[in-house]
């Protein structure tokens, strides 16, 4: 069964590069995208896309921000369990702590190099396939531990 990954990001270039990296990892991966949190919620709530295996979420977007989207998602009994990886240009420790407190699985700072993006996505894909996404290993990005899950 193909993996279903949902990217919510207002930057068209970032969406294209993300999809290209996933395609090179596995052309069968389904990657849906939305330009902001409001559009993403509409797509999820109206069945435009199936329930994704993981959501990559940018924080700074017009309309509904990533923070607002995450808060609404974690309040939904249907969508609550979807793992969310913050995918942002931010690297502020305050944002990392806030992501953890609000239910994100981990925090990826957007890499400058395509090869690093591919490596990070390949690790997520591997963990999705073997059912260990909640236990992503420590890397240069800031991962949150399941023990700190605010549920």
N, C-alpha and C. Protein backbone atom coordinates (compact mmCIF):
# COMPACT_ATOMS: atom_id res chain seq x y z
N UNK A 1 0.84 -1.17 0.00
CA UNK A 1 0.00 0.00 0.00
C UNK A 1 0.89 1.25 0.00
N UNK A 2 0.53 2.20 -0.83
CA UNK A 2 1.32 3.43 -0.95
C UNK A 2 1.14 4.30 0.29
N UNK A 3 2.20 4.95 0.69
CA UNK A 3 2.12 5.89 1.79
C UNK A 3 1.42 7.17 1.34
N UNK A 4 0.72 7.78 2.27
CA UNK A 4 -0.01 9.01 2.01
C UNK A 4 0.57 10.11 2.91
N UNK A 5 1.28 11.05 2.32
CA UNK A 5 1.93 12.13 3.05
C UNK A 5 1.26 13.44 2.65
N UNK A 6 1.01 14.28 3.65
CA UNK A 6 0.33 15.55 3.43
C UNK A 6 1.27 16.68 3.85
N UNK A 7 1.58 17.56 2.90
CA UNK A 7 2.43 18.72 3.16
C UNK A 7 1.57 19.97 3.14
N UNK A 8 1.67 20.74 4.21
CA UNK A 8 0.95 22.01 4.30
C UNK A 8 2.00 23.11 4.35
N UNK A 9 2.10 23.86 3.24
CA UNK A 9 3.16 24.87 3.11
C UNK A 9 2.72 25.88 2.06
N UNK A 10 2.87 27.15 2.37
CA UNK A 10 2.42 28.19 1.44
C UNK A 10 3.43 28.48 0.34
N UNK A 11 4.65 27.99 0.45
CA UNK A 11 5.69 28.28 -0.53
C UNK A 11 5.68 27.24 -1.65
N UNK A 12 5.34 27.66 -2.86
CA UNK A 12 5.22 26.74 -4.00
C UNK A 12 6.54 26.04 -4.31
N UNK A 13 7.66 26.76 -4.21
CA UNK A 13 8.96 26.14 -4.48
C UNK A 13 9.27 25.05 -3.45
N UNK A 14 8.97 25.33 -2.18
CA UNK A 14 9.20 24.32 -1.15
C UNK A 14 8.33 23.09 -1.38
N UNK A 15 7.08 23.30 -1.79
CA UNK A 15 6.20 22.15 -2.08
C UNK A 15 6.76 21.32 -3.24
N UNK A 16 7.22 21.98 -4.29
CA UNK A 16 7.77 21.27 -5.46
C UNK A 16 9.00 20.46 -5.09
N UNK A 17 9.92 21.06 -4.34
CA UNK A 17 11.15 20.36 -3.95
C UNK A 17 10.83 19.18 -3.04
N UNK A 18 9.89 19.37 -2.12
CA UNK A 18 9.47 18.31 -1.21
C UNK A 18 8.92 17.13 -2.00
N UNK A 19 8.00 17.42 -2.93
CA UNK A 19 7.42 16.34 -3.76
C UNK A 19 8.48 15.65 -4.60
N UNK A 20 9.41 16.41 -5.15
CA UNK A 20 10.48 15.81 -5.95
C UNK A 20 11.34 14.88 -5.10
N UNK A 21 11.66 15.29 -3.90
CA UNK A 21 12.47 14.45 -3.01
C UNK A 21 11.72 13.16 -2.67
N UNK A 22 10.43 13.26 -2.37
CA UNK A 22 9.64 12.06 -2.09
C UNK A 22 9.56 11.14 -3.31
N UNK A 23 9.36 11.74 -4.48
CA UNK A 23 9.27 10.95 -5.71
C UNK A 23 10.55 10.16 -5.95
N UNK A 24 11.69 10.78 -5.68
CA UNK A 24 12.97 10.07 -5.86
C UNK A 24 13.15 8.96 -4.84
N UNK A 25 12.55 9.11 -3.67
CA UNK A 25 12.61 8.04 -2.66
C UNK A 25 11.73 6.87 -3.09
N UNK A 26 10.51 7.19 -3.51
CA UNK A 26 9.56 6.16 -3.95
C UNK A 26 8.46 6.83 -4.78
N UNK A 27 8.43 6.57 -6.07
CA UNK A 27 7.43 7.21 -6.93
C UNK A 27 5.99 6.84 -6.59
N UNK A 28 5.78 5.81 -5.76
CA UNK A 28 4.43 5.39 -5.40
C UNK A 28 3.86 6.16 -4.21
N UNK A 29 4.68 6.95 -3.54
CA UNK A 29 4.19 7.73 -2.40
C UNK A 29 3.22 8.79 -2.91
N UNK A 30 2.08 8.88 -2.25
CA UNK A 30 1.09 9.90 -2.57
C UNK A 30 1.40 11.11 -1.69
N UNK A 31 1.61 12.26 -2.33
CA UNK A 31 1.90 13.48 -1.58
C UNK A 31 0.86 14.54 -1.94
N UNK A 32 -0.06 14.75 -1.02
CA UNK A 32 -1.05 15.80 -1.19
C UNK A 32 -0.50 17.07 -0.55
N UNK A 33 -0.95 18.23 -1.05
CA UNK A 33 -0.47 19.48 -0.51
C UNK A 33 -1.62 20.46 -0.32
N UNK A 34 -1.40 21.40 0.60
CA UNK A 34 -2.31 22.51 0.82
C UNK A 34 -1.48 23.75 1.09
N UNK A 35 -2.04 24.91 0.75
CA UNK A 35 -1.28 26.16 0.87
C UNK A 35 -1.43 26.83 2.23
N UNK A 36 -2.35 26.37 3.05
CA UNK A 36 -2.48 26.89 4.41
C UNK A 36 -3.34 25.94 5.24
N UNK A 37 -3.42 26.24 6.53
CA UNK A 37 -4.16 25.37 7.44
C UNK A 37 -5.65 25.28 7.14
N UNK A 38 -6.24 26.37 6.73
CA UNK A 38 -7.69 26.37 6.42
C UNK A 38 -7.99 25.42 5.26
N UNK A 39 -7.20 25.52 4.20
CA UNK A 39 -7.39 24.64 3.04
C UNK A 39 -7.14 23.18 3.44
N UNK A 40 -6.13 22.95 4.26
CA UNK A 40 -5.81 21.59 4.71
C UNK A 40 -6.96 20.98 5.50
N UNK A 41 -7.51 21.75 6.43
CA UNK A 41 -8.64 21.24 7.22
C UNK A 41 -9.83 20.93 6.33
N UNK A 42 -10.09 21.79 5.36
CA UNK A 42 -11.19 21.54 4.44
C UNK A 42 -10.97 20.24 3.67
N UNK A 43 -9.74 20.03 3.20
CA UNK A 43 -9.43 18.81 2.45
C UNK A 43 -9.61 17.58 3.33
N UNK A 44 -9.17 17.65 4.58
CA UNK A 44 -9.30 16.51 5.49
C UNK A 44 -10.75 16.26 5.89
N UNK A 45 -11.45 17.32 6.23
CA UNK A 45 -12.83 17.17 6.71
C UNK A 45 -13.83 16.80 5.62
N UNK A 46 -13.53 17.12 4.37
CA UNK A 46 -14.45 16.82 3.28
C UNK A 46 -14.01 15.60 2.45
N UNK A 47 -13.04 14.86 2.94
CA UNK A 47 -12.63 13.64 2.27
C UNK A 47 -11.94 13.84 0.93
N UNK A 48 -11.41 15.05 0.68
CA UNK A 48 -10.69 15.29 -0.57
C UNK A 48 -9.46 14.40 -0.65
N UNK A 49 -8.84 14.20 0.51
CA UNK A 49 -7.73 13.24 0.62
C UNK A 49 -8.09 12.28 1.74
N UNK A 50 -7.51 11.11 1.71
CA UNK A 50 -7.72 10.18 2.81
C UNK A 50 -6.95 10.65 4.04
N UNK A 51 -7.10 9.92 5.12
CA UNK A 51 -6.34 10.26 6.32
C UNK A 51 -4.87 9.97 6.03
N UNK A 52 -4.02 10.99 6.12
CA UNK A 52 -2.61 10.78 5.78
C UNK A 52 -1.87 10.00 6.85
N UNK A 53 -0.79 9.38 6.43
CA UNK A 53 0.07 8.65 7.38
C UNK A 53 0.85 9.63 8.24
N UNK A 54 1.15 10.81 7.69
CA UNK A 54 1.87 11.85 8.42
C UNK A 54 1.61 13.19 7.74
N UNK A 55 1.63 14.24 8.55
CA UNK A 55 1.49 15.61 8.04
C UNK A 55 2.80 16.35 8.29
N UNK A 56 3.33 16.98 7.26
CA UNK A 56 4.44 17.92 7.40
C UNK A 56 3.82 19.31 7.38
N UNK A 57 4.09 20.10 8.41
CA UNK A 57 3.38 21.35 8.62
C UNK A 57 4.32 22.53 8.75
N UNK A 58 4.19 23.48 7.82
CA UNK A 58 4.90 24.75 7.94
C UNK A 58 4.19 25.58 9.01
N UNK A 59 4.91 26.48 9.64
CA UNK A 59 4.30 27.28 10.70
C UNK A 59 3.79 28.63 10.23
N UNK A 60 4.60 29.32 9.46
CA UNK A 60 4.28 30.70 9.08
C UNK A 60 3.61 30.73 7.71
N UNK A 61 2.28 30.77 7.75
CA UNK A 61 1.49 30.80 6.53
C UNK A 61 0.39 31.84 6.69
N UNK A 62 -0.03 32.45 5.59
CA UNK A 62 -1.17 33.36 5.67
C UNK A 62 -2.46 32.58 5.90
N UNK A 63 -3.50 33.28 6.25
CA UNK A 63 -4.77 32.59 6.51
C UNK A 63 -4.68 31.92 7.86
N UNK A 64 -4.75 30.62 7.86
CA UNK A 64 -4.61 29.85 9.10
C UNK A 64 -3.16 29.37 9.20
N UNK A 65 -2.48 29.78 10.25
CA UNK A 65 -1.07 29.40 10.44
C UNK A 65 -0.95 27.93 10.81
N UNK A 66 0.27 27.44 10.81
CA UNK A 66 0.52 26.08 11.25
C UNK A 66 0.14 25.86 12.70
N UNK A 67 0.39 26.86 13.53
CA UNK A 67 0.02 26.74 14.95
C UNK A 67 -1.49 26.59 15.10
N UNK A 68 -2.24 27.40 14.38
CA UNK A 68 -3.70 27.33 14.45
C UNK A 68 -4.21 25.99 13.93
N UNK A 69 -3.62 25.53 12.83
CA UNK A 69 -4.01 24.24 12.27
C UNK A 69 -3.74 23.12 13.27
N UNK A 70 -2.56 23.12 13.88
CA UNK A 70 -2.20 22.07 14.82
C UNK A 70 -3.17 22.04 16.00
N UNK A 71 -3.56 23.20 16.50
CA UNK A 71 -4.50 23.26 17.63
C UNK A 71 -5.85 22.66 17.25
N UNK A 72 -6.36 22.99 16.07
CA UNK A 72 -7.64 22.45 15.62
C UNK A 72 -7.53 20.94 15.38
N UNK A 73 -6.45 20.51 14.74
CA UNK A 73 -6.24 19.09 14.46
C UNK A 73 -6.24 18.26 15.74
N UNK A 74 -5.53 18.74 16.75
CA UNK A 74 -5.39 17.98 18.00
C UNK A 74 -6.67 18.01 18.84
N UNK A 75 -7.63 18.86 18.48
CA UNK A 75 -8.93 18.87 19.15
C UNK A 75 -9.94 17.96 18.46
N UNK A 76 -9.62 17.47 17.26
CA UNK A 76 -10.55 16.65 16.50
C UNK A 76 -10.40 15.18 16.87
N UNK A 77 -11.49 14.54 17.30
CA UNK A 77 -11.40 13.12 17.65
C UNK A 77 -11.05 12.24 16.45
N UNK A 78 -11.34 12.70 15.26
CA UNK A 78 -11.06 11.91 14.06
C UNK A 78 -9.63 12.10 13.58
N UNK A 79 -9.10 13.32 13.71
CA UNK A 79 -7.80 13.66 13.14
C UNK A 79 -6.67 13.69 14.18
N UNK A 80 -7.01 13.60 15.44
CA UNK A 80 -6.06 13.77 16.54
C UNK A 80 -4.80 12.90 16.42
N UNK A 81 -4.96 11.67 15.99
CA UNK A 81 -3.84 10.72 16.00
C UNK A 81 -2.91 10.82 14.79
N UNK A 82 -3.20 11.70 13.86
CA UNK A 82 -2.31 11.84 12.71
C UNK A 82 -1.00 12.45 13.20
N UNK A 83 0.13 11.77 12.97
CA UNK A 83 1.41 12.35 13.39
C UNK A 83 1.71 13.62 12.59
N UNK A 84 2.20 14.64 13.30
CA UNK A 84 2.54 15.91 12.67
C UNK A 84 4.01 16.20 12.89
N UNK A 85 4.69 16.47 11.79
CA UNK A 85 6.09 16.89 11.83
C UNK A 85 6.12 18.36 11.42
N UNK A 86 6.57 19.21 12.32
CA UNK A 86 6.71 20.62 11.98
C UNK A 86 7.86 20.73 10.99
N UNK A 87 7.63 21.44 9.90
CA UNK A 87 8.58 21.57 8.80
C UNK A 87 8.69 23.06 8.49
N UNK A 88 9.67 23.71 9.10
CA UNK A 88 9.69 25.16 9.10
C UNK A 88 11.09 25.72 8.91
N UNK A 89 11.16 26.97 8.49
CA UNK A 89 12.46 27.66 8.44
C UNK A 89 12.89 28.10 9.82
N UNK A 90 11.98 28.08 10.77
CA UNK A 90 12.31 28.48 12.14
C UNK A 90 13.24 27.45 12.78
N UNK A 91 14.11 27.94 13.62
CA UNK A 91 14.91 27.04 14.45
C UNK A 91 14.96 27.57 15.88
N UNK A 92 13.99 28.43 16.21
CA UNK A 92 13.92 28.99 17.55
C UNK A 92 13.56 27.92 18.56
N UNK A 93 14.27 27.88 19.66
CA UNK A 93 13.99 26.88 20.68
C UNK A 93 12.56 27.04 21.23
N UNK A 94 12.05 28.29 21.25
CA UNK A 94 10.68 28.51 21.72
C UNK A 94 9.67 27.80 20.81
N UNK A 95 9.93 27.81 19.51
CA UNK A 95 9.03 27.12 18.58
C UNK A 95 9.10 25.61 18.77
N UNK A 96 10.27 25.10 19.03
CA UNK A 96 10.44 23.66 19.24
C UNK A 96 9.68 23.23 20.49
N UNK A 97 9.81 24.00 21.56
CA UNK A 97 9.10 23.69 22.81
C UNK A 97 7.59 23.81 22.60
N UNK A 98 7.16 24.84 21.92
CA UNK A 98 5.73 25.04 21.64
C UNK A 98 5.18 23.89 20.80
N UNK A 99 5.95 23.43 19.81
CA UNK A 99 5.52 22.30 18.98
C UNK A 99 5.31 21.06 19.84
N UNK A 100 6.23 20.82 20.74
CA UNK A 100 6.14 19.67 21.63
C UNK A 100 4.90 19.78 22.52
N UNK A 101 4.68 20.93 23.10
CA UNK A 101 3.54 21.12 24.00
C UNK A 101 2.21 20.99 23.27
N UNK A 102 2.22 21.26 21.96
CA UNK A 102 0.98 21.23 21.19
C UNK A 102 0.76 19.94 20.42
N UNK A 103 1.58 18.93 20.65
CA UNK A 103 1.31 17.61 20.11
C UNK A 103 2.05 17.21 18.85
N UNK A 104 3.02 17.99 18.40
CA UNK A 104 3.80 17.59 17.22
C UNK A 104 4.76 16.46 17.59
N UNK A 105 5.00 15.59 16.64
CA UNK A 105 5.92 14.47 16.85
C UNK A 105 7.36 14.96 16.88
N UNK A 106 7.72 15.83 15.93
CA UNK A 106 9.08 16.33 15.88
C UNK A 106 9.13 17.63 15.09
N UNK A 107 10.30 18.21 15.03
CA UNK A 107 10.49 19.52 14.43
C UNK A 107 11.65 19.44 13.47
N UNK A 108 11.38 19.61 12.18
CA UNK A 108 12.41 19.66 11.15
C UNK A 108 12.62 21.10 10.73
N UNK A 109 13.84 21.56 10.78
CA UNK A 109 14.16 22.83 10.14
C UNK A 109 14.38 22.54 8.67
N UNK A 110 13.79 23.36 7.80
CA UNK A 110 13.94 23.11 6.37
C UNK A 110 15.41 23.17 5.99
N UNK A 111 15.92 22.11 5.37
CA UNK A 111 17.35 22.08 5.02
C UNK A 111 17.65 22.93 3.78
N UNK A 112 18.88 23.37 3.72
CA UNK A 112 19.33 24.17 2.57
C UNK A 112 19.67 23.28 1.37
N UNK A 113 20.00 22.02 1.63
CA UNK A 113 20.41 21.13 0.55
C UNK A 113 19.36 20.06 0.28
N UNK A 114 19.16 19.79 -1.00
CA UNK A 114 18.21 18.77 -1.44
C UNK A 114 18.58 17.41 -0.87
N UNK A 115 19.86 17.08 -0.83
CA UNK A 115 20.30 15.77 -0.32
C UNK A 115 19.92 15.59 1.15
N UNK A 116 19.97 16.65 1.93
CA UNK A 116 19.59 16.55 3.33
C UNK A 116 18.08 16.35 3.47
N UNK A 117 17.31 17.05 2.64
CA UNK A 117 15.86 16.84 2.63
C UNK A 117 15.54 15.40 2.29
N UNK A 118 16.18 14.87 1.27
CA UNK A 118 15.94 13.46 0.89
C UNK A 118 16.29 12.51 2.02
N UNK A 119 17.40 12.76 2.69
CA UNK A 119 17.83 11.89 3.80
C UNK A 119 16.79 11.93 4.92
N UNK A 120 16.32 13.13 5.27
CA UNK A 120 15.32 13.25 6.33
C UNK A 120 14.01 12.57 5.94
N UNK A 121 13.57 12.80 4.71
CA UNK A 121 12.32 12.18 4.26
C UNK A 121 12.46 10.66 4.16
N UNK A 122 13.60 10.19 3.71
CA UNK A 122 13.82 8.74 3.63
C UNK A 122 13.72 8.10 5.02
N UNK A 123 14.24 8.78 6.03
CA UNK A 123 14.15 8.25 7.40
C UNK A 123 12.69 8.19 7.84
N UNK A 124 11.92 9.22 7.55
CA UNK A 124 10.50 9.22 7.92
C UNK A 124 9.77 8.10 7.17
N UNK A 125 10.02 7.96 5.89
CA UNK A 125 9.39 6.91 5.09
C UNK A 125 9.73 5.53 5.65
N UNK A 126 10.99 5.31 5.97
CA UNK A 126 11.39 4.01 6.55
C UNK A 126 10.64 3.74 7.85
N UNK A 127 10.52 4.75 8.70
CA UNK A 127 9.82 4.57 9.97
C UNK A 127 8.32 4.39 9.78
N UNK A 128 7.75 5.04 8.78
CA UNK A 128 6.34 4.81 8.48
C UNK A 128 6.12 3.37 8.04
N UNK A 129 6.99 2.88 7.20
CA UNK A 129 6.83 1.53 6.67
C UNK A 129 7.00 0.45 7.73
N UNK A 130 7.89 0.69 8.69
CA UNK A 130 8.07 -0.35 9.71
C UNK A 130 7.31 -0.08 11.01
N UNK A 131 6.45 0.95 10.99
CA UNK A 131 5.58 1.22 12.12
C UNK A 131 6.26 1.84 13.32
N UNK A 132 7.41 2.45 13.14
CA UNK A 132 8.15 3.03 14.27
C UNK A 132 8.27 4.55 14.17
N UNK A 133 7.34 5.20 13.51
CA UNK A 133 7.44 6.65 13.33
C UNK A 133 7.51 7.38 14.67
N UNK A 134 6.82 6.90 15.69
CA UNK A 134 6.84 7.57 16.99
C UNK A 134 8.20 7.48 17.66
N UNK A 135 9.10 6.70 17.12
CA UNK A 135 10.40 6.52 17.74
C UNK A 135 11.54 6.92 16.81
N UNK A 136 11.35 8.04 16.12
CA UNK A 136 12.39 8.54 15.23
C UNK A 136 13.67 8.79 16.02
N UNK A 137 14.82 8.44 15.44
CA UNK A 137 16.09 8.64 16.17
C UNK A 137 16.49 10.11 16.20
N UNK A 138 17.33 10.45 17.14
CA UNK A 138 17.88 11.80 17.25
C UNK A 138 18.79 12.07 16.05
N UNK A 139 18.63 13.23 15.44
CA UNK A 139 19.51 13.65 14.35
C UNK A 139 19.81 15.12 14.56
N UNK A 140 20.26 15.78 13.51
CA UNK A 140 20.52 17.20 13.63
C UNK A 140 19.25 18.01 13.80
N UNK A 141 18.12 17.43 13.48
CA UNK A 141 16.85 18.10 13.72
C UNK A 141 16.39 17.77 15.13
N UNK A 142 15.42 18.52 15.60
CA UNK A 142 14.98 18.37 16.98
C UNK A 142 13.75 17.48 17.04
N UNK A 143 13.96 16.27 17.53
CA UNK A 143 12.86 15.33 17.63
C UNK A 143 12.28 15.38 19.03
N UNK A 144 11.01 15.15 19.11
CA UNK A 144 10.33 15.10 20.38
C UNK A 144 10.10 13.64 20.73
N UNK A 145 10.20 13.33 21.99
CA UNK A 145 10.06 11.93 22.40
C UNK A 145 8.61 11.61 22.73
N UNK A 146 8.20 10.37 22.48
CA UNK A 146 6.82 9.99 22.83
C UNK A 146 6.53 10.19 24.31
N UNK A 147 7.53 10.10 25.17
CA UNK A 147 7.32 10.29 26.60
C UNK A 147 6.83 11.71 26.92
N UNK A 148 7.11 12.65 26.02
CA UNK A 148 6.69 14.03 26.23
C UNK A 148 5.38 14.34 25.51
N UNK A 149 4.70 13.32 25.05
CA UNK A 149 3.43 13.52 24.35
C UNK A 149 2.43 14.14 25.33
N UNK A 150 1.82 15.29 24.97
CA UNK A 150 0.94 15.98 25.90
C UNK A 150 -0.43 15.33 26.11
N UNK A 151 -0.72 14.23 25.43
CA UNK A 151 -2.03 13.59 25.61
C UNK A 151 -2.11 13.10 26.99
